[in-house]
Amino acid sequence: MESSKRSLAKAVSWQMVGLVTMAILGEVFTGSFFAGSELALTSCAIGFVMYVLHERVWAGIRWGLNRASAAASQPVGTAPTGS
């Protein structure tokens, strides 16, 4: 399982890409750099929170992992559950 810091770093880098993309699209569709930037910042803030939550939820789901990956992500001293 990846660390919270790694999930956070991935979320920040992804949201930077999304912020630039949304700002450009917002300006194109609204004709206003200010309105496009507001739209981009709002979308970025909501998307950032949702991405981090999504990553952390999936980090705890064992479905679809092979047994070696699932066993490696178990805390020390616990037995993997059979799925």
Protein backbone atom coordinates (compact mmCIF):
# COMPACT_ATOMS: atom_id res chain seq x y z
CA MET A 1 0.00 0.00 0.00
CA GLU A 2 1.33 3.44 -0.78
CA SER A 3 1.86 6.06 1.88
CA SER A 4 -0.43 9.01 2.52
CA LYS A 5 2.39 11.34 1.42
CA ARG A 6 2.65 9.57 -1.93
CA SER A 7 -1.12 9.80 -2.45
CA LEU A 8 -0.95 13.50 -1.58
CA ALA A 9 1.94 14.14 -4.00
CA LYS A 10 0.09 12.34 -6.79
CA ALA A 11 -3.05 14.36 -6.08
CA VAL A 12 -1.15 17.66 -6.18
CA SER A 13 0.60 16.88 -9.47
CA TRP A 14 -2.62 15.66 -11.08
CA GLN A 15 -4.56 18.70 -9.91
CA MET A 16 -1.94 21.05 -11.37
CA VAL A 17 -2.53 19.45 -14.76
CA GLY A 18 -6.28 19.74 -14.23
CA LEU A 19 -6.03 23.36 -13.06
CA VAL A 20 -4.23 24.48 -16.21
CA THR A 21 -6.59 22.49 -18.45
CA MET A 22 -9.72 23.81 -16.73
CA ALA A 23 -8.46 27.41 -16.76
CA ILE A 24 -7.92 27.23 -20.52
CA LEU A 25 -11.31 25.60 -21.12
CA GLY A 26 -13.03 28.03 -18.76
CA GLU A 27 -11.58 31.02 -20.60
CA VAL A 28 -12.51 29.55 -23.99
CA PHE A 29 -16.12 28.84 -22.98
CA THR A 30 -16.80 31.94 -20.89
CA GLY A 31 -14.63 34.44 -22.74
CA SER A 32 -13.41 35.71 -19.39
CA PHE A 33 -10.08 34.83 -17.86
CA PHE A 34 -11.42 35.71 -14.38
CA ALA A 35 -14.53 33.52 -14.69
CA GLY A 36 -12.47 30.70 -16.20
CA SER A 37 -9.97 30.92 -13.35
CA GLU A 38 -12.72 30.85 -10.72
CA LEU A 39 -14.18 27.77 -12.36
CA ALA A 40 -10.75 26.15 -12.52
CA LEU A 41 -9.91 26.86 -8.86
CA THR A 42 -13.27 25.57 -7.64
CA SER A 43 -12.95 22.43 -9.74
CA CYS A 44 -9.37 21.95 -8.56
CA ALA A 45 -10.28 22.20 -4.87
CA ILE A 46 -13.18 19.77 -5.14
CA GLY A 47 -11.25 17.40 -7.41
CA PHE A 48 -8.24 17.40 -5.08
CA VAL A 49 -10.28 16.33 -2.06
CA MET A 50 -12.20 13.71 -4.03
CA TYR A 51 -9.02 12.27 -5.57
CA VAL A 52 -7.31 11.85 -2.19
CA LEU A 53 -10.41 10.21 -0.71
CA HIS A 54 -10.74 7.95 -3.75
CA GLU A 55 -7.10 6.85 -3.55
CA ARG A 56 -7.30 6.11 0.18
CA VAL A 57 -10.51 4.09 -0.20
CA TRP A 58 -8.99 2.02 -3.02
CA ALA A 59 -5.78 1.55 -1.02
CA GLY A 60 -7.85 -0.43 1.49
CA ILE A 61 -9.66 -2.59 -1.06
CA ARG A 62 -7.99 -5.94 -1.73
CA TRP A 63 -10.22 -6.96 -4.66
CA GLY A 64 -8.27 -7.50 -7.87
CA LEU A 65 -4.85 -7.75 -6.21
CA ASN A 66 -2.87 -10.91 -6.66
CA ARG A 67 -2.08 -12.81 -3.46
CA ALA A 68 1.56 -11.63 -3.30
CA SER A 69 0.51 -7.96 -3.52
CA ALA A 70 -2.26 -8.41 -0.96
CA ALA A 71 0.05 -10.23 1.47
CA ALA A 72 2.78 -7.61 1.09
CA SER A 73 0.38 -4.81 1.98
CA GLN A 74 -0.86 -6.48 5.18
CA PRO A 75 0.40 -5.02 8.47
CA VAL A 76 3.08 -7.14 10.15
CA GLY A 77 1.62 -9.86 12.38
CA THR A 78 -1.73 -10.19 10.58
CA ALA A 79 -2.82 -12.93 8.25
CA PRO A 80 -4.21 -12.04 4.82
CA THR A 81 -7.93 -12.62 4.45
CA GLY A 82 -9.09 -15.06 1.79
CA SER A 83 -11.03 -13.31 -0.98
